[in-house]
Amino acid sequence: MKRLTGWLRGGLAATMLVATLAEADTTLINASSNINQDLFQEYNAAFVRYWRGKTGEAVTIKQTHAQSTNQVARIRNGEEADVVTLAVSLDIDTIASAGLMPTDWQGRLANHSSPFTSTVVFLVRRGNPRQIKDWNDLVRWGINVVTSNPKSSGIARWGHLAAYGYALRQPGGNDTTAKLFLKRLYGNNRVLEYTARGATTAFTKNKIGDVMVTWESEAMQVVAAAPDEYEIVVPSMSIVAEPPVAMVDKMVDKRGTRKLADAYLHYLYSPEAQEMLVKYNYRPADPALAEKYAKRFKPLTLFRVDEVFGSWQSAFKAHFTDGGVLDQVYDPYRNAS
């Protein structure tokens, strides 16, 4: 009887182990930024269908959303995530610096591990009553600019660097003139929202400001929801915003999800997924689809972070650390008045 009981216990333990392993093999965790919540909800459903059709396996995608910087802190502190889909490559570099993935992670997927891109544009009220046409108009006296805080918001960092790069590339432009331009720009801002969505709420629901600086995808979403209230102004020059994706190697090896995580990220480059990305107003990585939807996205002069700032690491150190350019040009006391 004791032998039978021991056998039953052993069998039960083995069954529980198999069940645990099976769950690990069929559950994927994606830690994403707030701005892409709707996108990945639809993408996850599409990937589940794709994976079942290809392998016959059912898979569950667990999705978490937060500010990119918050996601990084959680993962570094041990929170589980098989893949990350964030706003800025520097955030993933920070995860890599903790030994959770290779430091050359960005070379593992096409287009610097960015399956889609956006850029920084201006959202104005319908009819453009303040006649905002380019970056120079944002520093005119009396213009009220809405944006989020580059200290906490990845999208705001893209906007900050876009403005600086524009000023730097003007005739006679240099670091001094670019800083002065930013000082005037932030001088026209009365509050920096903590999140990009917070900035959108301030501009659309609270009716604060004349113009909002944001991603093209976010601006297009607002206009689609309220075409009689808002319109988009595309500046003459802006930055290529490259939201990165990556696999967290240490976590996928621990959970046994490497194959699934790899497939999940590669599927973002598939024609079906690229079409979906266009639906959410992102510029696709697929050249054929980019040509197909060329009229949807207005052309403009674009520059990449590494072309102007060397790298995201260099840009962050110079602009967003304590005492950096942002602290030099933004006066929270003056702007709160």
Protein backbone atom coordinates (compact mmCIF):
# COMPACT_ATOMS: atom_id res chain seq x y z
CA MET A 1 0.00 0.00 0.00
CA LYS A 2 2.86 2.35 0.90
CA ARG A 3 4.48 1.50 -2.43
CA LEU A 4 1.23 2.28 -4.26
CA THR A 5 0.84 5.57 -2.38
CA GLY A 6 4.40 6.54 -3.22
CA TRP A 7 3.82 5.68 -6.87
CA LEU A 8 0.66 7.81 -6.93
CA ARG A 9 2.48 10.72 -5.34
CA GLY A 10 5.29 10.40 -7.83
CA GLY A 11 2.85 10.20 -10.70
CA LEU A 12 1.00 13.25 -9.44
CA ALA A 13 4.26 15.20 -9.14
CA ALA A 14 5.27 14.18 -12.64
CA THR A 15 1.88 15.22 -13.98
CA MET A 16 2.19 18.61 -12.27
CA LEU A 17 5.68 19.05 -13.73
CA VAL A 18 4.45 18.22 -17.24
CA ALA A 19 1.56 20.64 -16.81
CA THR A 20 3.94 23.36 -15.65
CA LEU A 21 6.25 22.79 -18.59
CA ALA A 22 3.32 22.74 -20.99
CA GLU A 23 2.10 26.08 -19.62
CA ALA A 24 5.57 27.56 -19.98
CA ASP A 25 5.74 26.40 -23.59
CA THR A 26 2.37 27.94 -24.51
CA THR A 27 2.36 31.23 -22.62
CA LEU A 28 4.26 34.30 -23.77
CA ILE A 29 4.68 37.55 -21.83
CA ASN A 30 5.09 40.82 -23.72
CA ALA A 31 6.09 43.91 -21.72
CA SER A 32 5.06 46.87 -23.85
CA SER A 33 4.74 50.65 -23.66
CA ASN A 34 1.40 52.30 -22.95
CA ILE A 35 1.08 53.86 -26.38
CA ASN A 36 0.77 50.50 -28.16
CA GLN A 37 -1.86 48.81 -26.02
CA ASP A 38 -4.55 48.65 -28.71
CA LEU A 39 -2.08 47.60 -31.39
CA PHE A 40 -0.72 44.62 -29.51
CA GLN A 41 -4.14 43.50 -28.36
CA GLU A 42 -5.02 42.95 -32.02
CA TYR A 43 -1.57 41.66 -32.95
CA ASN A 44 -1.63 39.08 -30.17
CA ALA A 45 -4.90 37.66 -31.44
CA ALA A 46 -3.47 37.45 -34.97
CA PHE A 47 -0.32 35.71 -33.74
CA VAL A 48 -2.35 33.19 -31.73
CA ARG A 49 -4.23 32.26 -34.92
CA TYR A 50 -1.01 32.09 -36.92
CA TRP A 51 0.77 29.91 -34.38
CA ARG A 52 -2.13 27.47 -34.06
CA GLY A 53 -2.35 27.20 -37.84
CA LYS A 54 1.39 26.59 -38.17
CA THR A 55 2.00 24.28 -35.21
CA GLY A 56 -1.41 23.14 -33.99
CA GLU A 57 -0.50 24.55 -30.55
CA ALA A 58 -2.62 26.91 -28.51
CA VAL A 59 -0.75 29.87 -27.09
CA THR A 60 -1.71 32.55 -24.58
CA ILE A 61 -0.18 36.01 -24.76
CA LYS A 62 0.04 37.87 -21.47
CA GLN A 63 0.41 41.58 -22.05
CA THR A 64 1.59 44.27 -19.67
CA HIS A 65 1.60 47.99 -20.41
CA ALA A 66 3.43 50.83 -18.67
CA GLN A 67 5.85 53.64 -19.39
CA SER A 68 8.95 52.20 -21.07
CA THR A 69 11.16 53.32 -18.20
CA ASN A 70 8.85 51.62 -15.69
CA GLN A 71 8.88 48.38 -17.68
CA VAL A 72 12.67 48.42 -17.70
CA ALA A 73 12.84 48.86 -13.92
CA ARG A 74 10.40 46.02 -13.33
CA ILE A 75 12.25 43.61 -15.60
CA ARG A 76 15.61 44.46 -14.07
CA ASN A 77 14.03 43.78 -10.68
CA GLY A 78 12.95 40.31 -11.75
CA GLU A 79 9.49 40.71 -13.29
CA GLU A 80 8.95 38.13 -16.03
CA ALA A 81 8.89 39.19 -19.68
CA ASP A 82 9.77 37.03 -22.69
CA VAL A 83 9.75 39.93 -25.13
CA VAL A 84 9.75 43.70 -24.85
CA THR A 85 8.14 46.14 -27.28
CA LEU A 86 9.14 49.59 -26.10
CA ALA A 87 9.52 53.17 -27.33
CA VAL A 88 13.27 53.74 -27.25
CA SER A 89 16.20 51.41 -27.94
CA LEU A 90 18.04 52.85 -24.94
CA ASP A 91 15.45 51.23 -22.66
CA ILE A 92 16.31 47.81 -24.07
CA ASP A 93 20.02 48.62 -23.80
CA THR A 94 19.40 49.15 -20.10
CA ILE A 95 17.87 45.67 -19.84
CA ALA A 96 20.83 44.24 -21.75
CA SER A 97 23.28 45.98 -19.40
CA ALA A 98 21.82 43.90 -16.58
CA GLY A 99 22.92 40.72 -18.39
CA LEU A 100 19.40 39.71 -19.45
CA MET A 101 20.17 39.70 -23.19
CA PRO A 102 23.16 40.29 -25.51
CA THR A 103 24.29 43.89 -25.89
CA ASP A 104 24.11 43.48 -29.68
CA TRP A 105 20.40 42.61 -29.53
CA GLN A 106 19.52 45.30 -32.08
CA GLY A 107 21.24 43.39 -34.89
CA ARG A 108 19.13 40.25 -34.48
CA LEU A 109 16.13 41.57 -36.41
CA ALA A 110 15.75 43.69 -39.53
CA ASN A 111 15.73 47.49 -39.48
CA HIS A 112 17.57 47.80 -36.17
CA SER A 113 14.93 45.54 -34.57
CA SER A 114 12.21 48.07 -35.40
CA PRO A 115 9.43 46.44 -37.45
CA PHE A 116 7.73 49.82 -37.84
CA THR A 117 8.57 53.49 -37.49
CA SER A 118 6.88 56.79 -36.83
CA THR A 119 8.01 60.40 -36.72
CA VAL A 120 7.28 63.54 -34.72
CA VAL A 121 4.53 65.85 -36.00
CA PHE A 122 2.21 68.56 -34.69
CA LEU A 123 -1.45 68.14 -33.78
CA VAL A 124 -3.43 71.38 -34.04
CA ARG A 125 -7.05 72.36 -33.74
CA ARG A 126 -9.19 72.21 -36.86
CA GLY A 127 -8.49 75.09 -39.22
CA ASN A 128 -5.07 75.60 -37.65
CA PRO A 129 -6.09 78.94 -36.10
CA ARG A 130 -2.56 79.73 -34.90
CA GLN A 131 -1.10 79.00 -38.35
CA ILE A 132 1.44 76.44 -37.18
CA LYS A 133 3.48 75.29 -40.19
CA ASP A 134 6.94 74.32 -38.98
CA TRP A 135 9.15 74.07 -35.89
CA ASN A 136 9.88 77.82 -35.94
CA ASP A 137 6.20 78.52 -35.31
CA LEU A 138 6.35 76.63 -32.01
CA VAL A 139 8.71 79.23 -30.55
CA ARG A 140 6.64 82.26 -31.52
CA TRP A 141 5.49 84.45 -28.67
CA GLY A 142 2.11 83.42 -27.28
CA ILE A 143 2.03 79.88 -28.71
CA ASN A 144 1.11 77.30 -26.06
CA VAL A 145 2.81 73.95 -26.71
CA VAL A 146 1.69 70.66 -25.15
CA THR A 147 4.03 67.69 -24.78
CA SER A 148 5.05 65.07 -22.25
CA ASN A 149 8.15 65.01 -20.07
CA PRO A 150 11.31 63.58 -21.68
CA LYS A 151 12.44 62.45 -18.23
CA SER A 152 9.57 59.95 -18.11
CA SER A 153 8.20 59.62 -21.66
CA GLY A 154 9.97 57.91 -24.54
CA ILE A 155 7.82 59.72 -27.09
CA ALA A 156 8.77 63.06 -25.54
CA ARG A 157 12.46 62.17 -25.91
CA TRP A 158 11.91 61.65 -29.62
CA GLY A 159 10.20 65.07 -29.80
CA HIS A 160 12.98 66.80 -27.89
CA LEU A 161 15.67 65.34 -30.15
CA ALA A 162 13.61 66.13 -33.27
CA ALA A 163 13.42 69.81 -32.28
CA TYR A 164 17.12 69.95 -31.42
CA GLY A 165 18.10 68.23 -34.68
CA TYR A 166 15.95 70.62 -36.69
CA ALA A 167 17.57 73.66 -35.06
CA LEU A 168 21.03 72.17 -35.43
CA ARG A 169 20.51 71.66 -39.17
CA GLN A 170 19.36 75.20 -39.91
CA PRO A 171 21.81 77.61 -41.60
CA GLY A 172 24.34 78.64 -38.98
CA GLY A 173 23.00 76.06 -36.58
CA ASN A 174 25.18 74.77 -33.76
CA ASP A 175 24.79 73.43 -30.23
CA THR A 176 24.37 76.93 -28.81
CA THR A 177 21.61 77.93 -31.23
CA ALA A 178 19.91 74.54 -30.84
CA LYS A 179 19.84 74.92 -27.05
CA LEU A 180 18.42 78.42 -27.40
CA PHE A 181 15.73 77.05 -29.71
CA LEU A 182 14.80 74.40 -27.13
CA LYS A 183 14.73 77.01 -24.38
CA ARG A 184 12.23 79.07 -26.36
CA LEU A 185 10.21 75.94 -27.19
CA TYR A 186 9.97 74.80 -23.58
CA GLY A 187 9.31 78.40 -22.61
CA ASN A 188 6.03 78.10 -24.54
CA ASN A 189 5.09 75.01 -22.53
CA ARG A 190 3.23 75.45 -19.24
CA VAL A 191 3.33 71.83 -18.07
CA LEU A 192 5.10 68.63 -19.07
CA GLU A 193 2.72 65.68 -18.75
CA TYR A 194 4.15 62.50 -17.24
CA THR A 195 2.99 60.32 -20.15
CA ALA A 196 2.33 60.80 -23.85
CA ARG A 197 -1.28 59.79 -23.32
CA GLY A 198 -1.48 62.35 -20.54
CA ALA A 199 -0.41 65.01 -23.02
CA THR A 200 -3.08 63.85 -25.46
CA THR A 201 -5.71 64.05 -22.73
CA ALA A 202 -4.59 67.55 -21.80
CA PHE A 203 -4.80 68.72 -25.41
CA THR A 204 -8.00 66.96 -26.48
CA LYS A 205 -10.18 66.56 -23.40
CA ASN A 206 -8.95 69.46 -21.27
CA LYS A 207 -8.53 71.74 -24.30
CA ILE A 208 -5.12 72.97 -23.17
CA GLY A 209 -2.71 74.46 -25.69
CA ASP A 210 -2.53 75.46 -29.34
CA VAL A 211 -0.38 72.59 -30.59
CA MET A 212 0.74 69.20 -29.34
CA VAL A 213 4.10 67.67 -30.28
CA THR A 214 3.70 63.91 -30.60
CA TRP A 215 4.20 60.84 -32.73
CA GLU A 216 2.54 60.77 -36.12
CA SER A 217 0.73 57.56 -35.17
CA GLU A 218 -0.80 59.15 -32.08
CA ALA A 219 -1.80 62.29 -33.96
CA MET A 220 -3.42 60.28 -36.76
CA GLN A 221 -5.39 58.30 -34.19
CA VAL A 222 -6.74 61.49 -32.63
CA VAL A 223 -7.73 62.93 -36.02
CA ALA A 224 -9.42 59.69 -37.03
CA ALA A 225 -11.54 59.82 -33.87
CA ALA A 226 -12.41 63.53 -34.21
CA PRO A 227 -11.75 64.78 -37.77
CA ASP A 228 -13.88 67.89 -37.25
CA GLU A 229 -11.80 69.00 -34.27
CA TYR A 230 -8.16 68.35 -35.15
CA GLU A 231 -5.68 68.21 -38.00
CA ILE A 232 -2.03 67.31 -38.45
CA VAL A 233 0.83 69.57 -39.45
CA VAL A 234 3.88 67.75 -40.77
CA PRO A 235 7.05 69.83 -40.29
CA SER A 236 9.67 70.19 -42.98
CA MET A 237 12.11 68.04 -41.01
CA SER A 238 11.80 65.51 -38.22
CA ILE A 239 13.28 62.41 -36.69
CA VAL A 240 12.77 58.73 -37.53
CA ALA A 241 11.18 57.27 -34.41
CA GLU A 242 12.14 53.60 -34.25
CA PRO A 243 10.19 51.69 -31.56
CA PRO A 244 12.32 48.59 -30.88
CA VAL A 245 11.40 45.00 -30.03
CA ALA A 246 13.58 42.32 -28.47
CA MET A 247 13.67 38.94 -26.79
CA VAL A 248 14.77 38.75 -23.14
CA ASP A 249 17.17 35.80 -23.46
CA LYS A 250 17.61 35.01 -19.79
CA MET A 251 13.86 34.89 -19.28
CA VAL A 252 12.98 32.81 -22.35
CA ASP A 253 15.64 30.25 -21.43
CA LYS A 254 14.28 30.09 -17.90
CA ARG A 255 10.68 29.68 -19.09
CA GLY A 256 11.39 27.55 -22.15
CA THR A 257 9.80 30.05 -24.54
CA ARG A 258 12.70 30.94 -26.87
CA LYS A 259 11.17 29.40 -30.00
CA LEU A 260 7.81 31.02 -29.33
CA ALA A 261 9.32 34.43 -28.53
CA ASP A 262 11.46 34.38 -31.66
CA ALA A 263 8.44 33.54 -33.81
CA TYR A 264 6.38 36.27 -32.12
CA LEU A 265 8.92 38.96 -32.98
CA HIS A 266 9.59 37.74 -36.52
CA TYR A 267 5.86 37.65 -37.25
CA LEU A 268 5.79 41.43 -36.77
CA TYR A 269 7.59 41.62 -40.13
CA SER A 270 5.02 39.44 -41.93
CA PRO A 271 2.69 41.00 -44.55
CA GLU A 272 -0.35 40.45 -42.30
CA ALA A 273 1.26 42.15 -39.33
CA GLN A 274 2.69 44.98 -41.44
CA GLU A 275 -0.79 45.72 -42.79
CA MET A 276 -2.02 45.83 -39.20
CA LEU A 277 0.72 48.27 -38.25
CA VAL A 278 -0.41 50.61 -41.02
CA LYS A 279 -3.93 50.38 -39.60
CA TYR A 280 -2.51 51.78 -36.37
CA ASN A 281 -0.80 54.56 -38.31
CA TYR A 282 2.77 53.29 -38.20
CA ARG A 283 5.06 53.41 -41.20
CA PRO A 284 5.75 49.80 -42.23
CA ALA A 285 9.21 48.28 -42.57
CA ASP A 286 8.14 46.32 -45.65
CA PRO A 287 9.24 48.40 -48.70
CA ALA A 288 6.36 47.13 -50.82
CA LEU A 289 3.79 48.19 -48.24
CA ALA A 290 5.58 51.48 -47.69
CA GLU A 291 5.13 52.19 -51.39
CA LYS A 292 1.53 50.98 -51.32
CA TYR A 293 0.67 53.42 -48.52
CA ALA A 294 2.92 56.27 -49.60
CA LYS A 295 -0.01 58.68 -49.88
CA ARG A 296 -1.07 57.91 -46.32
CA PHE A 297 2.17 59.24 -44.87
CA LYS A 298 3.32 62.67 -45.98
CA PRO A 299 6.97 62.80 -47.09
CA LEU A 300 9.43 64.96 -45.18
CA THR A 301 13.16 65.19 -44.52
CA LEU A 302 14.03 62.65 -41.83
CA PHE A 303 17.15 61.98 -39.79
CA ARG A 304 18.06 59.12 -37.46
CA VAL A 305 19.35 59.52 -33.91
CA ASP A 306 22.80 58.16 -34.77
CA GLU A 307 23.17 60.62 -37.66
CA VAL A 308 22.90 63.64 -35.37
CA PHE A 309 23.71 62.41 -31.86
CA GLY A 310 25.98 59.41 -32.51
CA SER A 311 23.83 56.94 -30.57
CA TRP A 312 20.92 56.82 -28.16
CA GLN A 313 23.38 56.37 -25.30
CA SER A 314 25.17 59.58 -26.27
CA ALA A 315 21.89 61.44 -26.76
CA PHE A 316 20.55 60.34 -23.40
CA LYS A 317 23.70 61.25 -21.53
CA ALA A 318 23.91 64.69 -23.13
CA HIS A 319 20.23 65.60 -22.99
CA PHE A 320 18.26 63.69 -20.35
CA THR A 321 20.54 62.96 -17.39
CA ASP A 322 20.61 65.35 -14.44
CA GLY A 323 22.25 68.58 -15.54
CA GLY A 324 21.89 67.71 -19.22
CA VAL A 325 20.46 69.85 -22.01
CA LEU A 326 16.85 69.37 -20.86
CA ASP A 327 17.68 70.66 -17.38
CA GLN A 328 19.59 73.54 -18.91
CA VAL A 329 16.74 74.75 -21.12
CA TYR A 330 13.62 73.92 -19.09
CA ASP A 331 12.76 76.05 -16.07
CA PRO A 332 9.96 74.32 -14.12
CA TYR A 333 9.33 77.41 -11.99
CA ARG A 334 9.00 79.75 -14.94
CA ASN A 335 6.87 77.29 -16.88
CA ALA A 336 4.53 76.73 -13.96
CA SER A 337 3.77 80.42 -13.66
